[in-house]
PDB file of all heavy atoms in Angstrom:
ATOM      1  N   VAL A   1       5.272  14.982  -0.289  1.00  0.00           N
ATOM      2  CA  VAL A   1       4.612  16.085   0.426  1.00  0.00           C
ATOM      3  C   VAL A   1       5.189  17.419  -0.020  1.00  0.00           C
ATOM      4  O   VAL A   1       4.451  18.384  -0.264  1.00  0.00           O
ATOM      5  CB  VAL A   1       4.773  15.921   1.953  1.00  0.00           C
ATOM      6  CG1 VAL A   1       4.219  17.147   2.675  1.00  0.00           C
ATOM      7  CG2 VAL A   1       4.059  14.674   2.434  1.00  0.00           C
ATOM      8  N   GLU A   2       6.503  17.502  -0.140  1.00  0.00           N
ATOM      9  CA  GLU A   2       7.167  18.748  -0.505  1.00  0.00           C
ATOM     10  C   GLU A   2       6.779  19.220  -1.906  1.00  0.00           C
ATOM     11  O   GLU A   2       6.597  20.415  -2.138  1.00  0.00           O
ATOM     12  CB  GLU A   2       8.686  18.559  -0.419  1.00  0.00           C
ATOM     13  CG  GLU A   2       9.492  19.827  -0.620  1.00  0.00           C
ATOM     14  CD  GLU A   2       9.411  20.785   0.549  1.00  0.00           C
ATOM     15  OE1 GLU A   2       8.904  20.388   1.628  1.00  0.00           O
ATOM     16  OE2 GLU A   2       9.848  21.946   0.389  1.00  0.00           O
ATOM     17  N   ILE A   3       6.626  18.293  -2.832  1.00  0.00           N
ATOM     18  CA  ILE A   3       6.344  18.655  -4.227  1.00  0.00           C
ATOM     19  C   ILE A   3       4.849  18.674  -4.530  1.00  0.00           C
ATOM     20  O   ILE A   3       4.349  19.599  -5.186  1.00  0.00           O
ATOM     21  CB  ILE A   3       7.046  17.677  -5.192  1.00  0.00           C
ATOM     22  CG1 ILE A   3       8.548  17.631  -4.910  1.00  0.00           C
ATOM     23  CG2 ILE A   3       6.778  18.066  -6.653  1.00  0.00           C
ATOM     24  CD1 ILE A   3       9.255  18.952  -5.069  1.00  0.00           C
ATOM     25  N   TYR A   4       4.117  17.675  -4.048  1.00  0.00           N
ATOM     26  CA  TYR A   4       2.714  17.511  -4.460  1.00  0.00           C
ATOM     27  C   TYR A   4       1.697  17.790  -3.351  1.00  0.00           C
ATOM     28  O   TYR A   4       0.514  17.961  -3.647  1.00  0.00           O
ATOM     29  CB  TYR A   4       2.483  16.085  -4.980  1.00  0.00           C
ATOM     30  CG  TYR A   4       3.432  15.676  -6.072  1.00  0.00           C
ATOM     31  CD1 TYR A   4       4.537  14.878  -5.797  1.00  0.00           C
ATOM     32  CD2 TYR A   4       3.234  16.078  -7.396  1.00  0.00           C
ATOM     33  CE1 TYR A   4       5.417  14.490  -6.795  1.00  0.00           C
ATOM     34  CE2 TYR A   4       4.107  15.696  -8.399  1.00  0.00           C
ATOM     35  CZ  TYR A   4       5.201  14.903  -8.090  1.00  0.00           C
ATOM     36  OH  TYR A   4       6.078  14.523  -9.081  1.00  0.00           O
ATOM     37  N   GLY A   5       2.131  17.807  -2.091  1.00  0.00           N
ATOM     38  CA  GLY A   5       1.216  18.090  -0.999  1.00  0.00           C
ATOM     39  C   GLY A   5       0.775  16.846  -0.241  1.00  0.00           C
ATOM     40  O   GLY A   5       0.977  15.715  -0.675  1.00  0.00           O
ATOM     41  N   PHE A   6       0.146  17.083   0.907  1.00  0.00           N
ATOM     42  CA  PHE A   6      -0.278  15.997   1.786  1.00  0.00           C
ATOM     43  C   PHE A   6      -1.303  15.086   1.131  1.00  0.00           C
ATOM     44  O   PHE A   6      -1.280  13.867   1.334  1.00  0.00           O
ATOM     45  CB  PHE A   6      -0.869  16.570   3.077  1.00  0.00           C
ATOM     46  CG  PHE A   6      -1.432  15.526   4.006  1.00  0.00           C
ATOM     47  CD1 PHE A   6      -0.606  14.850   4.890  1.00  0.00           C
ATOM     48  CD2 PHE A   6      -2.789  15.216   3.996  1.00  0.00           C
ATOM     49  CE1 PHE A   6      -1.112  13.880   5.739  1.00  0.00           C
ATOM     50  CE2 PHE A   6      -3.303  14.247   4.847  1.00  0.00           C
ATOM     51  CZ  PHE A   6      -2.474  13.576   5.724  1.00  0.00           C
ATOM     52  N   SER A   7      -2.217  15.641   0.343  1.00  0.00           N
ATOM     53  CA  SER A   7      -3.283  14.827  -0.235  1.00  0.00           C
ATOM     54  C   SER A   7      -2.726  13.729  -1.134  1.00  0.00           C
ATOM     55  O   SER A   7      -3.214  12.590  -1.116  1.00  0.00           O
ATOM     56  CB  SER A   7      -4.267  15.704  -1.018  1.00  0.00           C
ATOM     57  OG  SER A   7      -3.606  16.419  -2.048  1.00  0.00           O
ATOM     58  N   ARG A   8      -1.693  14.050  -1.919  1.00  0.00           N
ATOM     59  CA  ARG A   8      -1.064  13.033  -2.767  1.00  0.00           C
ATOM     60  C   ARG A   8      -0.306  12.012  -1.909  1.00  0.00           C
ATOM     61  O   ARG A   8      -0.327  10.814  -2.203  1.00  0.00           O
ATOM     62  CB  ARG A   8      -0.108  13.690  -3.764  1.00  0.00           C
ATOM     63  CG  ARG A   8      -0.807  14.494  -4.864  1.00  0.00           C
ATOM     64  CD  ARG A   8      -1.443  13.566  -5.889  1.00  0.00           C
ATOM     65  NE  ARG A   8      -2.125  14.304  -6.929  1.00  0.00           N
ATOM     66  CZ  ARG A   8      -1.574  14.648  -8.098  1.00  0.00           C
ATOM     67  NH1 ARG A   8      -0.298  14.339  -8.345  1.00  0.00           N
ATOM     68  NH2 ARG A   8      -2.277  15.285  -8.999  1.00  0.00           N
ATOM     69  N   ALA A   9       0.365  12.491  -0.874  1.00  0.00           N
ATOM     70  CA  ALA A   9       1.087  11.580   0.017  1.00  0.00           C
ATOM     71  C   ALA A   9       0.115  10.623   0.703  1.00  0.00           C
ATOM     72  O   ALA A   9       0.397   9.427   0.853  1.00  0.00           O
ATOM     73  CB  ALA A   9       1.878  12.366   1.052  1.00  0.00           C
ATOM     74  N   ARG A  10      -1.021  11.141   1.124  1.00  0.00           N
ATOM     75  CA  ARG A  10      -2.046  10.312   1.772  1.00  0.00           C
ATOM     76  C   ARG A  10      -2.513   9.199   0.831  1.00  0.00           C
ATOM     77  O   ARG A  10      -2.652   8.037   1.231  1.00  0.00           O
ATOM     78  CB  ARG A  10      -3.227  11.182   2.185  1.00  0.00           C
ATOM     79  CG  ARG A  10      -4.418  10.424   2.734  1.00  0.00           C
ATOM     80  CD  ARG A  10      -5.494  11.407   3.179  1.00  0.00           C
ATOM     81  NE  ARG A  10      -5.836  12.339   2.115  1.00  0.00           N
ATOM     82  CZ  ARG A  10      -6.435  13.525   2.316  1.00  0.00           C
ATOM     83  NH1 ARG A  10      -6.733  13.913   3.550  1.00  0.00           N
ATOM     84  NH2 ARG A  10      -6.719  14.319   1.306  1.00  0.00           N
ATOM     85  N   PHE A  11      -2.727   9.553  -0.433  1.00  0.00           N
ATOM     86  CA  PHE A  11      -3.133   8.570  -1.436  1.00  0.00           C
ATOM     87  C   PHE A  11      -2.075   7.475  -1.596  1.00  0.00           C
ATOM     88  O   PHE A  11      -2.386   6.282  -1.642  1.00  0.00           O
ATOM     89  CB  PHE A  11      -3.374   9.281  -2.779  1.00  0.00           C
ATOM     90  CG  PHE A  11      -3.635   8.345  -3.925  1.00  0.00           C
ATOM     91  CD1 PHE A  11      -4.865   7.742  -4.080  1.00  0.00           C
ATOM     92  CD2 PHE A  11      -2.644   8.073  -4.861  1.00  0.00           C
ATOM     93  CE1 PHE A  11      -5.109   6.866  -5.137  1.00  0.00           C
ATOM     94  CE2 PHE A  11      -2.871   7.212  -5.917  1.00  0.00           C
ATOM     95  CZ  PHE A  11      -4.104   6.606  -6.057  1.00  0.00           C
ATOM     96  N   VAL A  12      -0.804   7.876  -1.655  1.00  0.00           N
ATOM     97  CA  VAL A  12       0.292   6.920  -1.835  1.00  0.00           C
ATOM     98  C   VAL A  12       0.436   6.023  -0.610  1.00  0.00           C
ATOM     99  O   VAL A  12       0.706   4.822  -0.728  1.00  0.00           O
ATOM    100  CB  VAL A  12       1.613   7.660  -2.138  1.00  0.00           C
ATOM    101  CG1 VAL A  12       2.792   6.699  -2.133  1.00  0.00           C
ATOM    102  CG2 VAL A  12       1.525   8.368  -3.483  1.00  0.00           C
ATOM    103  N   ILE A  13       0.239   6.581   0.576  1.00  0.00           N
ATOM    104  CA  ILE A  13       0.331   5.785   1.805  1.00  0.00           C
ATOM    105  C   ILE A  13      -0.739   4.700   1.815  1.00  0.00           C
ATOM    106  O   ILE A  13      -0.463   3.534   2.126  1.00  0.00           O
ATOM    107  CB  ILE A  13       0.212   6.683   3.047  1.00  0.00           C
ATOM    108  CG1 ILE A  13       1.458   7.564   3.174  1.00  0.00           C
ATOM    109  CG2 ILE A  13       0.013   5.845   4.314  1.00  0.00           C
ATOM    110  CD1 ILE A  13       1.323   8.676   4.187  1.00  0.00           C
ATOM    111  N   TRP A  14      -1.963   5.072   1.469  1.00  0.00           N
ATOM    112  CA  TRP A  14      -3.028   4.075   1.402  1.00  0.00           C
ATOM    113  C   TRP A  14      -2.760   3.046   0.307  1.00  0.00           C
ATOM    114  O   TRP A  14      -3.077   1.863   0.456  1.00  0.00           O
ATOM    115  CB  TRP A  14      -4.381   4.748   1.171  1.00  0.00           C
ATOM    116  CG  TRP A  14      -5.018   5.269   2.426  1.00  0.00           C
ATOM    117  CD1 TRP A  14      -5.224   6.568   2.777  1.00  0.00           C
ATOM    118  CD2 TRP A  14      -5.543   4.487   3.502  1.00  0.00           C
ATOM    119  NE1 TRP A  14      -5.839   6.643   4.002  1.00  0.00           N
ATOM    120  CE2 TRP A  14      -6.047   5.395   4.469  1.00  0.00           C
ATOM    121  CE3 TRP A  14      -5.636   3.123   3.747  1.00  0.00           C
ATOM    122  CZ2 TRP A  14      -6.631   4.953   5.648  1.00  0.00           C
ATOM    123  CZ3 TRP A  14      -6.223   2.684   4.936  1.00  0.00           C
ATOM    124  CH2 TRP A  14      -6.706   3.597   5.871  1.00  0.00           C
ATOM    125  N   LEU A  15      -2.183   3.499  -0.804  1.00  0.00           N
ATOM    126  CA  LEU A  15      -1.825   2.580  -1.878  1.00  0.00           C
ATOM    127  C   LEU A  15      -0.781   1.576  -1.395  1.00  0.00           C
ATOM    128  O   LEU A  15      -0.889   0.374  -1.655  1.00  0.00           O
ATOM    129  CB  LEU A  15      -1.292   3.365  -3.081  1.00  0.00           C
ATOM    130  CG  LEU A  15      -0.918   2.544  -4.323  1.00  0.00           C
ATOM    131  CD1 LEU A  15      -2.144   1.864  -4.901  1.00  0.00           C
ATOM    132  CD2 LEU A  15      -0.271   3.447  -5.380  1.00  0.00           C
ATOM    133  N   GLY A  16       0.238   2.087  -0.678  1.00  0.00           N
ATOM    134  CA  GLY A  16       1.253   1.203  -0.120  1.00  0.00           C
ATOM    135  C   GLY A  16       0.655   0.215   0.872  1.00  0.00           C
ATOM    136  O   GLY A  16       1.022  -0.965   0.897  1.00  0.00           O
ATOM    137  N   PHE A  17      -0.268   0.697   1.689  1.00  0.00           N
ATOM    138  CA  PHE A  17      -0.953  -0.162   2.653  1.00  0.00           C
ATOM    139  C   PHE A  17      -1.702  -1.282   1.927  1.00  0.00           C
ATOM    140  O   PHE A  17      -1.594  -2.462   2.304  1.00  0.00           O
ATOM    141  CB  PHE A  17      -1.931   0.675   3.478  1.00  0.00           C
ATOM    142  CG  PHE A  17      -2.703  -0.104   4.508  1.00  0.00           C
ATOM    143  CD1 PHE A  17      -2.195  -0.266   5.787  1.00  0.00           C
ATOM    144  CD2 PHE A  17      -3.931  -0.655   4.206  1.00  0.00           C
ATOM    145  CE1 PHE A  17      -2.910  -0.986   6.745  1.00  0.00           C
ATOM    146  CE2 PHE A  17      -4.647  -1.380   5.155  1.00  0.00           C
ATOM    147  CZ  PHE A  17      -4.128  -1.538   6.422  1.00  0.00           C
ATOM    148  N   ALA A  18      -2.435  -0.922   0.877  1.00  0.00           N
ATOM    149  CA  ALA A  18      -3.235  -1.898   0.132  1.00  0.00           C
ATOM    150  C   ALA A  18      -2.353  -2.919  -0.580  1.00  0.00           C
ATOM    151  O   ALA A  18      -2.640  -4.122  -0.572  1.00  0.00           O
ATOM    152  CB  ALA A  18      -4.136  -1.179  -0.874  1.00  0.00           C
ATOM    153  N   MET A  19      -1.279  -2.452  -1.207  1.00  0.00           N
ATOM    154  CA  MET A  19      -0.394  -3.369  -1.927  1.00  0.00           C
ATOM    155  C   MET A  19       0.341  -4.305  -0.976  1.00  0.00           C
ATOM    156  O   MET A  19       0.526  -5.484  -1.268  1.00  0.00           O
ATOM    157  CB  MET A  19       0.613  -2.571  -2.760  1.00  0.00           C
ATOM    158  CG  MET A  19      -0.002  -1.771  -3.911  1.00  0.00           C
ATOM    159  SD  MET A  19      -0.921  -2.794  -5.094  1.00  0.00           S
ATOM    160  CE  MET A  19      -2.625  -2.549  -4.531  1.00  0.00           C
ATOM    161  N   ASN A  20       0.737  -3.784   0.169  1.00  0.00           N
ATOM    162  CA  ASN A  20       1.397  -4.625   1.170  1.00  0.00           C
ATOM    163  C   ASN A  20       0.438  -5.687   1.695  1.00  0.00           C
ATOM    164  O   ASN A  20       0.813  -6.856   1.887  1.00  0.00           O
ATOM    165  CB  ASN A  20       1.907  -3.759   2.312  1.00  0.00           C
ATOM    166  CG  ASN A  20       2.911  -4.478   3.188  1.00  0.00           C
ATOM    167  OD1 ASN A  20       3.554  -5.420   2.765  1.00  0.00           O
ATOM    168  ND2 ASN A  20       3.036  -4.041   4.420  1.00  0.00           N
ATOM    169  N   LEU A  21      -0.805  -5.283   1.917  1.00  0.00           N
ATOM    170  CA  LEU A  21      -1.818  -6.231   2.375  1.00  0.00           C
ATOM    171  C   LEU A  21      -2.071  -7.295   1.317  1.00  0.00           C
ATOM    172  O   LEU A  21      -2.201  -8.487   1.629  1.00  0.00           O
ATOM    173  CB  LEU A  21      -3.110  -5.485   2.703  1.00  0.00           C
ATOM    174  CG  LEU A  21      -4.297  -6.341   3.165  1.00  0.00           C
ATOM    175  CD1 LEU A  21      -3.939  -7.098   4.445  1.00  0.00           C
ATOM    176  CD2 LEU A  21      -5.534  -5.478   3.380  1.00  0.00           C
ATOM    177  N   LEU A  22      -2.137  -6.885   0.042  1.00  0.00           N
ATOM    178  CA  LEU A  22      -2.370  -7.832  -1.045  1.00  0.00           C
ATOM    179  C   LEU A  22      -1.240  -8.860  -1.121  1.00  0.00           C
ATOM    180  O   LEU A  22      -1.487 -10.068  -1.240  1.00  0.00           O
ATOM    181  CB  LEU A  22      -2.491  -7.084  -2.370  1.00  0.00           C
ATOM    182  CG  LEU A  22      -2.657  -7.952  -3.627  1.00  0.00           C
ATOM    183  CD1 LEU A  22      -3.933  -8.783  -3.536  1.00  0.00           C
ATOM    184  CD2 LEU A  22      -2.671  -7.082  -4.884  1.00  0.00           C
ATOM    185  N   VAL A  23       0.010  -8.384  -1.046  1.00  0.00           N
ATOM    186  CA  VAL A  23       1.161  -9.297  -1.083  1.00  0.00           C
ATOM    187  C   VAL A  23       1.109 -10.265   0.092  1.00  0.00           C
ATOM    188  O   VAL A  23       1.353 -11.474  -0.063  1.00  0.00           O
ATOM    189  CB  VAL A  23       2.483  -8.501  -1.073  1.00  0.00           C
ATOM    190  CG1 VAL A  23       3.670  -9.435  -0.827  1.00  0.00           C
ATOM    191  CG2 VAL A  23       2.668  -7.764  -2.384  1.00  0.00           C
ATOM    192  N   THR A  24       0.769  -9.757   1.265  1.00  0.00           N
ATOM    193  CA  THR A  24       0.697 -10.604   2.451  1.00  0.00           C
ATOM    194  C   THR A  24      -0.362 -11.688   2.300  1.00  0.00           C
ATOM    195  O   THR A  24      -0.125 -12.868   2.598  1.00  0.00           O
ATOM    196  CB  THR A  24       0.374  -9.752   3.690  1.00  0.00           C
ATOM    197  OG1 THR A  24       1.421  -8.788   3.886  1.00  0.00           O
ATOM    198  CG2 THR A  24       0.260 -10.618   4.939  1.00  0.00           C
ATOM    199  N   LEU A  25      -1.536 -11.306   1.788  1.00  0.00           N
ATOM    200  CA  LEU A  25      -2.620 -12.278   1.602  1.00  0.00           C
ATOM    201  C   LEU A  25      -2.258 -13.320   0.545  1.00  0.00           C
ATOM    202  O   LEU A  25      -2.542 -14.516   0.707  1.00  0.00           O
ATOM    203  CB  LEU A  25      -3.909 -11.553   1.201  1.00  0.00           C
ATOM    204  CG  LEU A  25      -4.530 -10.651   2.280  1.00  0.00           C
ATOM    205  CD1 LEU A  25      -5.732  -9.912   1.730  1.00  0.00           C
ATOM    206  CD2 LEU A  25      -4.920 -11.467   3.507  1.00  0.00           C
ATOM    207  N   LEU A  26      -1.607 -12.886  -0.534  1.00  0.00           N
ATOM    208  CA  LEU A  26      -1.210 -13.826  -1.583  1.00  0.00           C
ATOM    209  C   LEU A  26      -0.151 -14.802  -1.079  1.00  0.00           C
ATOM    210  O   LEU A  26      -0.161 -15.988  -1.436  1.00  0.00           O
ATOM    211  CB  LEU A  26      -0.699 -13.060  -2.805  1.00  0.00           C
ATOM    212  CG  LEU A  26      -1.751 -12.256  -3.584  1.00  0.00           C
ATOM    213  CD1 LEU A  26      -1.099 -11.485  -4.717  1.00  0.00           C
ATOM    214  CD2 LEU A  26      -2.842 -13.183  -4.132  1.00  0.00           C
ATOM    215  N   LEU A  27       0.766 -14.306  -0.245  1.00  0.00           N
ATOM    216  CA  LEU A  27       1.778 -15.192   0.333  1.00  0.00           C
ATOM    217  C   LEU A  27       1.136 -16.221   1.269  1.00  0.00           C
ATOM    218  O   LEU A  27       1.539 -17.393   1.281  1.00  0.00           O
ATOM    219  CB  LEU A  27       2.823 -14.380   1.096  1.00  0.00           C
ATOM    220  CG  LEU A  27       3.801 -13.584   0.235  1.00  0.00           C
ATOM    221  CD1 LEU A  27       4.683 -12.699   1.117  1.00  0.00           C
ATOM    222  CD2 LEU A  27       4.670 -14.503  -0.617  1.00  0.00           C
ATOM    223  N   GLN A  28       0.137 -15.779   2.046  1.00  0.00           N
ATOM    224  CA  GLN A  28      -0.562 -16.726   2.916  1.00  0.00           C
ATOM    225  C   GLN A  28      -1.321 -17.761   2.100  1.00  0.00           C
ATOM    226  O   GLN A  28      -1.405 -18.939   2.488  1.00  0.00           O
ATOM    227  CB  GLN A  28      -1.525 -15.973   3.848  1.00  0.00           C
ATOM    228  CG  GLN A  28      -0.861 -14.960   4.755  1.00  0.00           C
ATOM    229  CD  GLN A  28       0.378 -15.500   5.432  1.00  0.00           C
ATOM    230  OE1 GLN A  28       0.321 -16.484   6.168  1.00  0.00           O
ATOM    231  NE2 GLN A  28       1.518 -14.860   5.199  1.00  0.00           N
ATOM    232  N   LEU A  29      -1.858 -17.341   0.950  1.00  0.00           N
ATOM    233  CA  LEU A  29      -2.524 -18.291   0.053  1.00  0.00           C
ATOM    234  C   LEU A  29      -1.520 -19.318  -0.459  1.00  0.00           C
ATOM    235  O   LEU A  29      -1.808 -20.524  -0.501  1.00  0.00           O
ATOM    236  CB  LEU A  29      -3.161 -17.548  -1.117  1.00  0.00           C
ATOM    237  CG  LEU A  29      -3.790 -18.414  -2.217  1.00  0.00           C
ATOM    238  CD1 LEU A  29      -4.923 -19.265  -1.645  1.00  0.00           C
ATOM    239  CD2 LEU A  29      -4.295 -17.543  -3.370  1.00  0.00           C
ATOM    240  N   GLY A  30      -0.331 -18.826  -0.848  1.00  0.00           N
ATOM    241  CA  GLY A  30       0.701 -19.738  -1.316  1.00  0.00           C
ATOM    242  C   GLY A  30       1.111 -20.736  -0.251  1.00  0.00           C
ATOM    243  O   GLY A  30       1.345 -21.919  -0.535  1.00  0.00           O
ATOM    244  N   LEU A  31       1.172 -20.278   0.992  1.00  0.00           N
ATOM    245  CA  LEU A  31       1.525 -21.182   2.095  1.00  0.00           C
ATOM    246  C   LEU A  31       0.435 -22.220   2.345  1.00  0.00           C
ATOM    247  O   LEU A  31       0.728 -23.359   2.715  1.00  0.00           O
ATOM    248  CB  LEU A  31       1.752 -20.374   3.373  1.00  0.00           C
ATOM    249  CG  LEU A  31       3.027 -19.535   3.435  1.00  0.00           C
ATOM    250  CD1 LEU A  31       2.987 -18.603   4.645  1.00  0.00           C
ATOM    251  CD2 LEU A  31       4.263 -20.436   3.512  1.00  0.00           C
ATOM    252  N   ALA A  32      -0.807 -21.828   2.130  1.00  0.00           N
ATOM    253  CA  ALA A  32      -1.933 -22.720   2.428  1.00  0.00           C
ATOM    254  C   ALA A  32      -2.166 -23.769   1.341  1.00  0.00           C
ATOM    255  O   ALA A  32      -2.786 -24.803   1.604  1.00  0.00           O
ATOM    256  CB  ALA A  32      -3.202 -21.890   2.618  1.00  0.00           C
TER     257      ALA A  32
END
């Protein structure tokens, strides 16, 4: 936020959300 602004931070937050969700779904697939 300090260097690039809120818009870039917002993009990274959604990216983190998506990657975390992907890892979670893949782990559940591995368990199944």
